[in-house]
Amino acid sequence: LDLNKAYEVGDTIRFEVTPKDFGRIAAQTAKQVIMQRVREEEHNIIYNQYIQYENEIVTGEVERRDNRYIYVNLGKVEALLSRQDQIEGEEYNSHDRIKVYIYKVENSSKGPQVFVSRSHPDLLKRLFEQEIPEIYDGTVEIVSIAREAGDRAKVAVRSNNENVDPVGTCVGPRGERIQTIVNELKGENMDIVQWEEEPADFISNALNPADVLEVRFDPENEHVCTVVVPNDQLSLAIGKRGQNVRLAARLTGYKIDIKSESDMQELDEQKVSAESAVQDDTPEQESDTQTQVEDDGKEISIEASAETNDANPDSDN
């Protein structure tokens, strides 16, 4: 090997070496391996970029659709919006810009896959954080969310500052804050509910706009209760197709049975009648003793026994 005399000890020398029997097939294989490693590294870069947005809201552009997914362009990757993650009745046209919630990022053999949703309850939570500074900084806290995407949602909030009204803060002046969120969700109705530490009060608030007269808890199951409402508000408490009570149950974590005031009164009367009947049917126990009163007025008890005729040993048979 001829070396240039200008090189000194420690210098790096680069020169091309062609291995023996290095033909076309070997060259093609080497190229494929190199390209595969390059693609894997590109996939890792994209995965690491989007994994940090998991459980966050991003804005993307609708590109295309097939029988399974709507594909949303997020920049370097097409996110997948499945049917169950779409809002029922909402239309998605090409080039529409929409806000989506990233709930899962996977690094599969096909490359990074980002799954997004428009119906996830946490999408609503992130929208509240974006539009309401008091929620973002923790002054007002979202405790729970119950949502039927595209139709109606209930959001329970509480304040960590006694001087801040959590419901009024979320609604905003003239309802501007909540209206921005409603518009983003294409008219989804929104109920803001004040969370209470006392379960009965929280359940009553969750059933708004209906008035609640009483909440009775099942002694055998602490997460089951019966709610009594005025006769003229039974349908309001239950809601259209049972939606109001269904969302209230999800929001509070209780199984809720709605009863009108008259129905509850009738059930109470039936219960009292049944208990009285049981008491009347209980037989009084007959005493096994007889009481004999002595001349001095004191009572003594003697064992009752059947009268028997003792045979006279001296009598004739």
C-alpha atoms as a PDB file:
ATOM      1  CA  LEU A   1       0.000   0.000   0.000  1.00  0.00           C
ATOM      2  CA  ASP A   2       1.576   3.259  -1.156  1.00  0.00           C
ATOM      3  CA  LEU A   3       1.064   6.134   1.246  1.00  0.00           C
ATOM      4  CA  ASN A   4       1.636   9.797   0.709  1.00  0.00           C
ATOM      5  CA  LYS A   5       4.715  10.886   2.595  1.00  0.00           C
ATOM      6  CA  ALA A   6       2.765  13.888   3.876  1.00  0.00           C
ATOM      7  CA  TYR A   7       0.845  11.622   6.271  1.00  0.00           C
ATOM      8  CA  GLU A   8       2.079  11.459   9.836  1.00  0.00           C
ATOM      9  CA  VAL A   9       1.534   8.966  12.623  1.00  0.00           C
ATOM     10  CA  GLY A  10      -2.013   9.326  14.000  1.00  0.00           C
ATOM     11  CA  ASP A  11      -3.564  10.659  10.775  1.00  0.00           C
ATOM     12  CA  THR A  12      -6.759   9.046   9.470  1.00  0.00           C
ATOM     13  CA  ILE A  13      -6.552   7.725   5.951  1.00  0.00           C
ATOM     14  CA  ARG A  14      -9.699   6.990   3.922  1.00  0.00           C
ATOM     15  CA  PHE A  15      -9.603   4.844   0.810  1.00  0.00           C
ATOM     16  CA  GLU A  16     -12.113   2.725  -1.075  1.00  0.00           C
ATOM     17  CA  VAL A  17     -12.026  -1.021  -0.610  1.00  0.00           C
ATOM     18  CA  THR A  18     -14.043  -3.406  -2.753  1.00  0.00           C
ATOM     19  CA  PRO A  19     -14.493  -6.739  -0.947  1.00  0.00           C
ATOM     20  CA  LYS A  20     -13.777  -9.889  -2.861  1.00  0.00           C
ATOM     21  CA  ASP A  21     -16.847 -11.296  -4.681  1.00  0.00           C
ATOM     22  CA  PHE A  22     -18.792  -8.103  -3.940  1.00  0.00           C
ATOM     23  CA  GLY A  23     -21.311  -8.382  -6.783  1.00  0.00           C
ATOM     24  CA  ARG A  24     -24.610  -6.770  -7.722  1.00  0.00           C
ATOM     25  CA  ILE A  25     -26.741  -8.835  -5.298  1.00  0.00           C
ATOM     26  CA  ALA A  26     -24.491  -8.057  -2.364  1.00  0.00           C
ATOM     27  CA  ALA A  27     -24.550  -4.360  -3.223  1.00  0.00           C
ATOM     28  CA  GLN A  28     -28.361  -4.386  -3.437  1.00  0.00           C
ATOM     29  CA  THR A  29     -28.622  -6.148  -0.074  1.00  0.00           C
ATOM     30  CA  ALA A  30     -26.328  -3.630   1.554  1.00  0.00           C
ATOM     31  CA  LYS A  31     -28.385  -0.790   0.118  1.00  0.00           C
ATOM     32  CA  GLN A  32     -31.625  -2.293   1.469  1.00  0.00           C
ATOM     33  CA  VAL A  33     -30.146  -2.725   4.940  1.00  0.00           C
ATOM     34  CA  ILE A  34     -28.921   0.853   4.990  1.00  0.00           C
ATOM     35  CA  MET A  35     -32.272   2.208   3.769  1.00  0.00           C
ATOM     36  CA  GLN A  36     -34.135   0.146   6.361  1.00  0.00           C
ATOM     37  CA  ARG A  37     -31.968   1.530   9.151  1.00  0.00           C
ATOM     38  CA  VAL A  38     -32.560   5.052   7.847  1.00  0.00           C
ATOM     39  CA  ARG A  39     -36.348   4.514   7.825  1.00  0.00           C
ATOM     40  CA  GLU A  40     -36.271   3.074  11.340  1.00  0.00           C
ATOM     41  CA  GLU A  41     -34.397   6.104  12.573  1.00  0.00           C
ATOM     42  CA  GLU A  42     -36.875   8.419  10.841  1.00  0.00           C
ATOM     43  CA  HIS A  43     -39.747   6.515  12.484  1.00  0.00           C
ATOM     44  CA  ASN A  44     -38.101   6.848  15.888  1.00  0.00           C
ATOM     45  CA  ILE A  45     -37.688  10.585  15.401  1.00  0.00           C
ATOM     46  CA  ILE A  46     -41.376  11.003  14.465  1.00  0.00           C
ATOM     47  CA  TYR A  47     -42.498   8.739  17.321  1.00  0.00           C
ATOM     48  CA  ASN A  48     -40.463  10.694  19.871  1.00  0.00           C
ATOM     49  CA  GLN A  49     -41.883  13.923  18.483  1.00  0.00           C
ATOM     50  CA  TYR A  50     -45.542  12.894  18.843  1.00  0.00           C
ATOM     51  CA  ILE A  51     -45.392  10.783  22.006  1.00  0.00           C
ATOM     52  CA  GLN A  52     -44.958  14.020  23.939  1.00  0.00           C
ATOM     53  CA  TYR A  53     -48.376  15.147  22.630  1.00  0.00           C
ATOM     54  CA  GLU A  54     -50.165  12.067  23.948  1.00  0.00           C
ATOM     55  CA  ASN A  55     -53.217  13.114  26.033  1.00  0.00           C
ATOM     56  CA  GLU A  56     -53.110  16.581  24.490  1.00  0.00           C
ATOM     57  CA  ILE A  57     -55.109  18.522  21.884  1.00  0.00           C
ATOM     58  CA  VAL A  58     -53.628  19.307  18.476  1.00  0.00           C
ATOM     59  CA  THR A  59     -55.033  20.886  15.327  1.00  0.00           C
ATOM     60  CA  GLY A  60     -54.914  18.952  12.083  1.00  0.00           C
ATOM     61  CA  GLU A  61     -56.287  18.986   8.552  1.00  0.00           C
ATOM     62  CA  VAL A  62     -58.655  16.358   7.195  1.00  0.00           C
ATOM     63  CA  GLU A  63     -57.002  14.708   4.181  1.00  0.00           C
ATOM     64  CA  ARG A  64     -58.946  11.624   3.158  1.00  0.00           C
ATOM     65  CA  ARG A  65     -61.152   8.821   4.438  1.00  0.00           C
ATOM     66  CA  ASP A  66     -61.876   5.144   3.930  1.00  0.00           C
ATOM     67  CA  ASN A  67     -64.247   2.602   5.465  1.00  0.00           C
ATOM     68  CA  ARG A  68     -62.325   2.510   8.751  1.00  0.00           C
ATOM     69  CA  TYR A  69     -60.671   5.856   9.363  1.00  0.00           C
ATOM     70  CA  ILE A  70     -60.565   9.534   8.621  1.00  0.00           C
ATOM     71  CA  TYR A  71     -56.933  10.545   8.078  1.00  0.00           C
ATOM     72  CA  VAL A  72     -55.907  13.806   9.724  1.00  0.00           C
ATOM     73  CA  ASN A  73     -52.633  15.434   8.693  1.00  0.00           C
ATOM     74  CA  LEU A  74     -50.684  16.549  11.763  1.00  0.00           C
ATOM     75  CA  GLY A  75     -47.574  17.601   9.848  1.00  0.00           C
ATOM     76  CA  LYS A  76     -45.191  14.653   9.692  1.00  0.00           C
ATOM     77  CA  VAL A  77     -47.757  11.933  10.273  1.00  0.00           C
ATOM     78  CA  GLU A  78     -51.343  11.051   9.345  1.00  0.00           C
ATOM     79  CA  ALA A  79     -53.396  10.518  12.490  1.00  0.00           C
ATOM     80  CA  LEU A  80     -56.208   7.949  12.522  1.00  0.00           C
ATOM     81  CA  LEU A  81     -59.723   9.022  13.523  1.00  0.00           C
ATOM     82  CA  SER A  82     -61.886   5.887  13.825  1.00  0.00           C
ATOM     83  CA  ARG A  83     -65.679   5.745  13.639  1.00  0.00           C
ATOM     84  CA  GLN A  84     -66.148   5.327  17.393  1.00  0.00           C
ATOM     85  CA  ASP A  85     -63.921   8.353  17.993  1.00  0.00           C
ATOM     86  CA  GLN A  86     -65.990  10.605  15.738  1.00  0.00           C
ATOM     87  CA  ILE A  87     -68.867  12.787  16.910  1.00  0.00           C
ATOM     88  CA  GLU A  88     -72.132  11.361  15.648  1.00  0.00           C
ATOM     89  CA  GLY A  89     -73.628  13.585  12.968  1.00  0.00           C
ATOM     90  CA  GLU A  90     -70.472  15.678  12.510  1.00  0.00           C
ATOM     91  CA  GLU A  91     -69.221  16.000   8.927  1.00  0.00           C
ATOM     92  CA  TYR A  92     -65.538  15.884   8.022  1.00  0.00           C
ATOM     93  CA  ASN A  93     -64.617  17.289   4.621  1.00  0.00           C
ATOM     94  CA  SER A  94     -61.221  17.446   2.944  1.00  0.00           C
ATOM     95  CA  HIS A  95     -59.078  20.390   4.071  1.00  0.00           C
ATOM     96  CA  ASP A  96     -61.254  21.009   7.160  1.00  0.00           C
ATOM     97  CA  ARG A  97     -59.128  22.033  10.131  1.00  0.00           C
ATOM     98  CA  ILE A  98     -60.255  20.329  13.340  1.00  0.00           C
ATOM     99  CA  LYS A  99     -59.040  19.963  16.909  1.00  0.00           C
ATOM    100  CA  VAL A 100     -58.444  16.365  17.965  1.00  0.00           C
ATOM    101  CA  TYR A 101     -57.318  14.637  21.153  1.00  0.00           C
ATOM    102  CA  ILE A 102     -54.310  12.301  20.876  1.00  0.00           C
ATOM    103  CA  TYR A 103     -55.046   9.353  23.151  1.00  0.00           C
ATOM    104  CA  LYS A 104     -52.493   6.816  21.874  1.00  0.00           C
ATOM    105  CA  VAL A 105     -49.176   6.823  19.991  1.00  0.00           C
ATOM    106  CA  GLU A 106     -47.643   3.534  18.833  1.00  0.00           C
ATOM    107  CA  ASN A 107     -44.363   2.728  17.128  1.00  0.00           C
ATOM    108  CA  SER A 108     -45.402  -0.252  15.001  1.00  0.00           C
ATOM    109  CA  SER A 109     -43.632  -2.149  12.230  1.00  0.00           C
ATOM    110  CA  LYS A 110     -45.435   0.130   9.753  1.00  0.00           C
ATOM    111  CA  GLY A 111     -44.084   3.188  11.472  1.00  0.00           C
ATOM    112  CA  PRO A 112     -45.531   5.554  14.071  1.00  0.00           C
ATOM    113  CA  GLN A 113     -49.324   5.452  14.383  1.00  0.00           C
ATOM    114  CA  VAL A 114     -51.196   8.265  16.099  1.00  0.00           C
ATOM    115  CA  PHE A 115     -54.784   7.644  17.212  1.00  0.00           C
ATOM    116  CA  VAL A 116     -56.988  10.684  17.772  1.00  0.00           C
ATOM    117  CA  SER A 117     -60.530  11.321  18.978  1.00  0.00           C
ATOM    118  CA  ARG A 118     -63.283  13.917  18.833  1.00  0.00           C
ATOM    119  CA  SER A 119     -65.533  12.073  21.304  1.00  0.00           C
ATOM    120  CA  HIS A 120     -63.107  11.400  24.175  1.00  0.00           C
ATOM    121  CA  PRO A 121     -64.145  13.049  27.502  1.00  0.00           C
ATOM    122  CA  ASP A 122     -60.615  14.402  27.954  1.00  0.00           C
ATOM    123  CA  LEU A 123     -60.992  16.402  24.732  1.00  0.00           C
ATOM    124  CA  LEU A 124     -63.582  18.429  26.615  1.00  0.00           C
ATOM    125  CA  LYS A 125     -61.247  18.775  29.593  1.00  0.00           C
ATOM    126  CA  ARG A 126     -58.424  20.114  27.416  1.00  0.00           C
ATOM    127  CA  LEU A 127     -60.791  22.573  25.705  1.00  0.00           C
ATOM    128  CA  PHE A 128     -61.789  23.918  29.123  1.00  0.00           C
ATOM    129  CA  GLU A 129     -58.112  24.342  29.998  1.00  0.00           C
ATOM    130  CA  GLN A 130     -57.500  26.255  26.768  1.00  0.00           C
ATOM    131  CA  GLU A 131     -60.467  28.595  27.124  1.00  0.00           C
ATOM    132  CA  ILE A 132     -60.598  29.111  30.906  1.00  0.00           C
ATOM    133  CA  PRO A 133     -57.379  30.384  32.551  1.00  0.00           C
ATOM    134  CA  GLU A 134     -58.629  29.550  36.060  1.00  0.00           C
ATOM    135  CA  ILE A 135     -58.832  25.871  35.130  1.00  0.00           C
ATOM    136  CA  TYR A 136     -55.410  25.924  33.482  1.00  0.00           C
ATOM    137  CA  ASP A 137     -53.748  27.436  36.576  1.00  0.00           C
ATOM    138  CA  GLY A 138     -55.648  25.189  39.026  1.00  0.00           C
ATOM    139  CA  THR A 139     -57.863  27.800  40.687  1.00  0.00           C
ATOM    140  CA  VAL A 140     -60.889  25.884  39.402  1.00  0.00           C
ATOM    141  CA  GLU A 141     -60.660  22.111  39.093  1.00  0.00           C
ATOM    142  CA  ILE A 142     -62.603  19.711  36.883  1.00  0.00           C
ATOM    143  CA  VAL A 143     -63.606  16.781  39.108  1.00  0.00           C
ATOM    144  CA  SER A 144     -65.454  14.582  36.611  1.00  0.00           C
ATOM    145  CA  ILE A 145     -66.958  14.598  33.122  1.00  0.00           C
ATOM    146  CA  ALA A 146     -69.884  12.654  31.670  1.00  0.00           C
ATOM    147  CA  ARG A 147     -70.366  13.050  27.943  1.00  0.00           C
ATOM    148  CA  GLU A 148     -72.497  11.794  25.089  1.00  0.00           C
ATOM    149  CA  ALA A 149     -70.477  13.311  22.284  1.00  0.00           C
ATOM    150  CA  GLY A 150     -72.331  15.623  19.940  1.00  0.00           C
ATOM    151  CA  ASP A 151     -75.426  15.811  22.126  1.00  0.00           C
ATOM    152  CA  ARG A 152     -74.865  16.713  25.766  1.00  0.00           C
ATOM    153  CA  ALA A 153     -72.221  16.753  28.483  1.00  0.00           C
ATOM    154  CA  LYS A 154     -72.082  17.403  32.222  1.00  0.00           C
ATOM    155  CA  VAL A 155     -68.924  18.776  33.830  1.00  0.00           C
ATOM    156  CA  ALA A 156     -68.460  18.833  37.621  1.00  0.00           C
ATOM    157  CA  VAL A 157     -66.183  21.618  38.878  1.00  0.00           C
ATOM    158  CA  ARG A 158     -64.991  22.897  42.229  1.00  0.00           C
ATOM    159  CA  SER A 159     -63.019  25.934  43.327  1.00  0.00           C
ATOM    160  CA  ASN A 160     -59.769  25.867  45.272  1.00  0.00           C
ATOM    161  CA  ASN A 161     -60.339  29.529  46.137  1.00  0.00           C
ATOM    162  CA  GLU A 162     -63.361  30.381  48.277  1.00  0.00           C
ATOM    163  CA  ASN A 163     -63.648  33.747  46.529  1.00  0.00           C
ATOM    164  CA  VAL A 164     -64.034  32.192  43.067  1.00  0.00           C
ATOM    165  CA  ASP A 165     -67.363  30.820  41.835  1.00  0.00           C
ATOM    166  CA  PRO A 166     -66.450  27.723  39.774  1.00  0.00           C
ATOM    167  CA  VAL A 167     -69.655  27.590  37.721  1.00  0.00           C
ATOM    168  CA  GLY A 168     -69.694  31.305  36.915  1.00  0.00           C
ATOM    169  CA  THR A 169     -66.006  31.203  36.019  1.00  0.00           C
ATOM    170  CA  CYS A 170     -66.578  28.441  33.468  1.00  0.00           C
ATOM    171  CA  VAL A 171     -69.643  30.086  31.945  1.00  0.00           C
ATOM    172  CA  GLY A 172     -67.939  33.476  31.645  1.00  0.00           C
ATOM    173  CA  PRO A 173     -69.436  36.922  31.012  1.00  0.00           C
ATOM    174  CA  ARG A 174     -72.648  36.523  29.013  1.00  0.00           C
ATOM    175  CA  GLY A 175     -71.714  32.872  28.520  1.00  0.00           C
ATOM    176  CA  GLU A 176     -68.837  33.707  26.170  1.00  0.00           C
ATOM    177  CA  ARG A 177     -66.366  31.152  27.522  1.00  0.00           C
ATOM    178  CA  ILE A 178     -68.672  28.166  27.434  1.00  0.00           C
ATOM    179  CA  GLN A 179     -70.088  29.232  24.068  1.00  0.00           C
ATOM    180  CA  THR A 180     -66.624  29.030  22.502  1.00  0.00           C
ATOM    181  CA  ILE A 181     -66.360  25.398  23.613  1.00  0.00           C
ATOM    182  CA  VAL A 182     -69.902  24.626  22.431  1.00  0.00           C
ATOM    183  CA  ASN A 183     -69.087  26.076  19.005  1.00  0.00           C
ATOM    184  CA  GLU A 184     -65.931  23.966  18.720  1.00  0.00           C
ATOM    185  CA  LEU A 185     -68.033  20.855  19.411  1.00  0.00           C
ATOM    186  CA  LYS A 186     -70.673  21.870  16.857  1.00  0.00           C
ATOM    187  CA  GLY A 187     -73.432  22.776  19.323  1.00  0.00           C
ATOM    188  CA  GLU A 188     -72.995  20.096  21.997  1.00  0.00           C
ATOM    189  CA  ASN A 189     -75.070  21.138  25.043  1.00  0.00           C
ATOM    190  CA  MET A 190     -73.053  21.760  28.188  1.00  0.00           C
ATOM    191  CA  ASP A 191     -74.148  21.563  31.855  1.00  0.00           C
ATOM    192  CA  ILE A 192     -71.695  22.971  34.400  1.00  0.00           C
ATOM    193  CA  VAL A 193     -72.301  21.350  37.802  1.00  0.00           C
ATOM    194  CA  GLN A 194     -70.836  22.435  41.124  1.00  0.00           C
ATOM    195  CA  TRP A 195     -69.150  19.540  42.911  1.00  0.00           C
ATOM    196  CA  GLU A 196     -70.061  19.043  46.573  1.00  0.00           C
ATOM    197  CA  GLU A 197     -68.349  16.886  49.172  1.00  0.00           C
ATOM    198  CA  GLU A 198     -71.727  15.734  50.493  1.00  0.00           C
ATOM    199  CA  PRO A 199     -72.950  13.041  48.030  1.00  0.00           C
ATOM    200  CA  ALA A 200     -76.625  14.005  48.367  1.00  0.00           C
ATOM    201  CA  ASP A 201     -75.882  17.616  47.428  1.00  0.00           C
ATOM    202  CA  PHE A 202     -73.657  16.568  44.520  1.00  0.00           C
ATOM    203  CA  ILE A 203     -76.341  14.227  43.160  1.00  0.00           C
ATOM    204  CA  SER A 204     -78.937  16.995  43.469  1.00  0.00           C
ATOM    205  CA  ASN A 205     -76.713  19.378  41.506  1.00  0.00           C
ATOM    206  CA  ALA A 206     -75.989  16.737  38.874  1.00  0.00           C
ATOM    207  CA  LEU A 207     -79.706  16.331  38.132  1.00  0.00           C
ATOM    208  CA  ASN A 208     -80.124  19.990  37.191  1.00  0.00           C
ATOM    209  CA  PRO A 209     -82.318  21.500  35.841  1.00  0.00           C
ATOM    210  CA  ALA A 210     -84.727  19.345  37.896  1.00  0.00           C
ATOM    211  CA  ASP A 211     -85.409  20.155  41.561  1.00  0.00           C
ATOM    212  CA  VAL A 212     -84.636  17.407  44.075  1.00  0.00           C
ATOM    213  CA  LEU A 213     -86.698  16.955  47.250  1.00  0.00           C
ATOM    214  CA  GLU A 214     -84.791  14.100  48.852  1.00  0.00           C
ATOM    215  CA  VAL A 215     -81.959  11.633  48.255  1.00  0.00           C
ATOM    216  CA  ARG A 216     -82.174   8.246  49.978  1.00  0.00           C
ATOM    217  CA  PHE A 217     -79.188   5.913  49.990  1.00  0.00           C
ATOM    218  CA  ASP A 218     -79.458   2.141  49.946  1.00  0.00           C
ATOM    219  CA  PRO A 219     -78.177   0.854  53.328  1.00  0.00           C
ATOM    220  CA  GLU A 220     -76.892  -2.315  51.641  1.00  0.00           C
ATOM    221  CA  ASN A 221     -75.043  -0.523  48.814  1.00  0.00           C
ATOM    222  CA  GLU A 222     -73.626   2.938  49.413  1.00  0.00           C
ATOM    223  CA  HIS A 223     -73.413   3.675  45.675  1.00  0.00           C
ATOM    224  CA  VAL A 224     -77.125   3.140  45.030  1.00  0.00           C
ATOM    225  CA  CYS A 225     -79.687   5.820  45.814  1.00  0.00           C
ATOM    226  CA  THR A 226     -83.294   6.835  45.220  1.00  0.00           C
ATOM    227  CA  VAL A 227     -83.973  10.465  44.335  1.00  0.00           C
ATOM    228  CA  VAL A 228     -87.384  12.003  45.022  1.00  0.00           C
ATOM    229  CA  VAL A 229     -88.520  14.857  42.774  1.00  0.00           C
ATOM    230  CA  PRO A 230     -91.778  16.850  42.494  1.00  0.00           C
ATOM    231  CA  ASN A 231     -94.513  15.132  40.503  1.00  0.00           C
ATOM    232  CA  ASP A 232     -94.380  17.704  37.717  1.00  0.00           C
ATOM    233  CA  GLN A 233     -90.587  17.330  37.294  1.00  0.00           C
ATOM    234  CA  LEU A 234     -90.257  13.562  36.953  1.00  0.00           C
ATOM    235  CA  SER A 235     -89.781  13.655  33.175  1.00  0.00           C
ATOM    236  CA  LEU A 236     -87.381  16.611  33.495  1.00  0.00           C
ATOM    237  CA  ALA A 237     -85.219  14.722  35.988  1.00  0.00           C
ATOM    238  CA  ILE A 238     -85.118  11.608  33.812  1.00  0.00           C
ATOM    239  CA  GLY A 239     -84.518  13.568  30.613  1.00  0.00           C
ATOM    240  CA  LYS A 240     -85.059  12.713  26.977  1.00  0.00           C
ATOM    241  CA  ARG A 241     -84.491   8.967  26.520  1.00  0.00           C
ATOM    242  CA  GLY A 242     -83.185   8.915  30.106  1.00  0.00           C
ATOM    243  CA  GLN A 243     -80.214  11.096  29.198  1.00  0.00           C
ATOM    244  CA  ASN A 244     -80.270  13.461  32.185  1.00  0.00           C
ATOM    245  CA  VAL A 245     -80.275  10.759  34.850  1.00  0.00           C
ATOM    246  CA  ARG A 246     -77.830   8.631  32.835  1.00  0.00           C
ATOM    247  CA  LEU A 247     -75.266  11.435  32.639  1.00  0.00           C
ATOM    248  CA  ALA A 248     -75.832  12.321  36.305  1.00  0.00           C
ATOM    249  CA  ALA A 249     -75.116   8.710  37.281  1.00  0.00           C
ATOM    250  CA  ARG A 250     -71.856   8.688  35.300  1.00  0.00           C
ATOM    251  CA  LEU A 251     -70.852  12.061  36.696  1.00  0.00           C
ATOM    252  CA  THR A 252     -71.401  11.117  40.352  1.00  0.00           C
ATOM    253  CA  GLY A 253     -70.569   7.409  40.241  1.00  0.00           C
ATOM    254  CA  TYR A 254     -73.931   6.471  41.797  1.00  0.00           C
ATOM    255  CA  LYS A 255     -76.733   4.294  40.476  1.00  0.00           C
ATOM    256  CA  ILE A 256     -79.729   6.643  40.591  1.00  0.00           C
ATOM    257  CA  ASP A 257     -83.398   5.655  40.691  1.00  0.00           C
ATOM    258  CA  ILE A 258     -85.816   8.560  40.136  1.00  0.00           C
ATOM    259  CA  LYS A 259     -89.182   8.550  41.934  1.00  0.00           C
ATOM    260  CA  SER A 260     -91.941  11.154  41.952  1.00  0.00           C
ATOM    261  CA  GLU A 261     -93.114  12.491  45.304  1.00  0.00           C
ATOM    262  CA  SER A 262     -96.477  10.701  45.083  1.00  0.00           C
ATOM    263  CA  ASP A 263     -94.883   7.387  44.046  1.00  0.00           C
ATOM    264  CA  MET A 264     -92.447   7.579  46.949  1.00  0.00           C
ATOM    265  CA  GLN A 265     -95.258   8.345  49.392  1.00  0.00           C
ATOM    266  CA  GLU A 266     -97.222   5.351  48.118  1.00  0.00           C
ATOM    267  CA  LEU A 267     -94.188   3.080  48.503  1.00  0.00           C
ATOM    268  CA  ASP A 268     -93.658   4.320  52.060  1.00  0.00           C
ATOM    269  CA  GLU A 269     -97.302   3.588  52.937  1.00  0.00           C
ATOM    270  CA  GLN A 270     -97.054   0.102  51.469  1.00  0.00           C
ATOM    271  CA  LYS A 271     -93.917  -0.534  53.488  1.00  0.00           C
ATOM    272  CA  VAL A 272     -95.580   0.592  56.720  1.00  0.00           C
ATOM    273  CA  SER A 273     -98.643  -1.584  55.998  1.00  0.00           C
ATOM    274  CA  ALA A 274     -96.452  -4.608  55.298  1.00  0.00           C
ATOM    275  CA  GLU A 275     -94.536  -4.140  58.544  1.00  0.00           C
ATOM    276  CA  SER A 276     -97.786  -3.805  60.516  1.00  0.00           C
ATOM    277  CA  ALA A 277     -99.168  -6.975  58.934  1.00  0.00           C
ATOM    278  CA  VAL A 278     -96.056  -8.903  59.921  1.00  0.00           C
ATOM    279  CA  GLN A 279     -96.398  -7.740  63.527  1.00  0.00           C
ATOM    280  CA  ASP A 280    -100.114  -8.675  63.660  1.00  0.00           C
ATOM    281  CA  ASP A 281     -99.418 -12.173  62.334  1.00  0.00           C
ATOM    282  CA  THR A 282     -96.847 -12.931  65.054  1.00  0.00           C
ATOM    283  CA  PRO A 283     -98.531 -15.402  67.559  1.00  0.00           C
ATOM    284  CA  GLU A 284     -98.266 -14.666  71.223  1.00  0.00           C
ATOM    285  CA  GLN A 285     -96.346 -17.284  73.076  1.00  0.00           C
ATOM    286  CA  GLU A 286     -98.416 -19.140  75.626  1.00  0.00           C
ATOM    287  CA  SER A 287     -96.958 -19.146  79.048  1.00  0.00           C
ATOM    288  CA  ASP A 288     -95.789 -22.455  80.396  1.00  0.00           C
ATOM    289  CA  THR A 289     -96.486 -21.324  83.909  1.00  0.00           C
ATOM    290  CA  GLN A 290     -99.551 -20.646  85.976  1.00  0.00           C
ATOM    291  CA  THR A 291     -99.737 -17.916  88.516  1.00  0.00           C
ATOM    292  CA  GLN A 292    -101.089 -18.596  91.949  1.00  0.00           C
ATOM    293  CA  VAL A 293    -101.898 -15.735  94.274  1.00  0.00           C
ATOM    294  CA  GLU A 294    -101.326 -16.352  97.918  1.00  0.00           C
ATOM    295  CA  ASP A 295    -103.322 -14.796 100.700  1.00  0.00           C
ATOM    296  CA  ASP A 296    -100.688 -12.144 101.290  1.00  0.00           C
ATOM    297  CA  GLY A 297    -101.017 -10.878  97.702  1.00  0.00           C
ATOM    298  CA  LYS A 298     -97.661 -12.198  96.464  1.00  0.00           C
ATOM    299  CA  GLU A 299     -97.441 -14.090  93.196  1.00  0.00           C
ATOM    300  CA  ILE A 300     -95.574 -17.323  92.792  1.00  0.00           C
ATOM    301  CA  SER A 301     -95.108 -19.397  89.631  1.00  0.00           C
ATOM    302  CA  ILE A 302     -95.506 -23.111  89.567  1.00  0.00           C
ATOM    303  CA  GLU A 303     -94.882 -25.443  86.661  1.00  0.00           C
ATOM    304  CA  ALA A 304     -98.030 -26.329  84.804  1.00  0.00           C
ATOM    305  CA  SER A 305     -98.618 -30.051  84.640  1.00  0.00           C
ATOM    306  CA  ALA A 306    -101.302 -32.331  83.442  1.00  0.00           C
ATOM    307  CA  GLU A 307    -103.621 -33.627  86.141  1.00  0.00           C
ATOM    308  CA  THR A 308    -103.153 -37.300  86.834  1.00  0.00           C
ATOM    309  CA  ASN A 309    -105.154 -39.673  88.966  1.00  0.00           C
ATOM    310  CA  ASP A 310    -102.725 -41.391  91.273  1.00  0.00           C
ATOM    311  CA  ALA A 311    -103.671 -44.958  91.874  1.00  0.00           C
ATOM    312  CA  ASN A 312    -104.433 -45.718  95.538  1.00  0.00           C
ATOM    313  CA  PRO A 313    -102.078 -48.454  96.546  1.00  0.00           C
ATOM    314  CA  ASP A 314    -104.642 -49.640  99.084  1.00  0.00           C
ATOM    315  CA  SER A 315    -107.526 -49.679  96.609  1.00  0.00           C
ATOM    316  CA  ASP A 316    -108.821 -52.800  95.020  1.00  0.00           C
ATOM    317  CA  ASN A 317    -108.055 -53.431  91.393  1.00  0.00           C
END
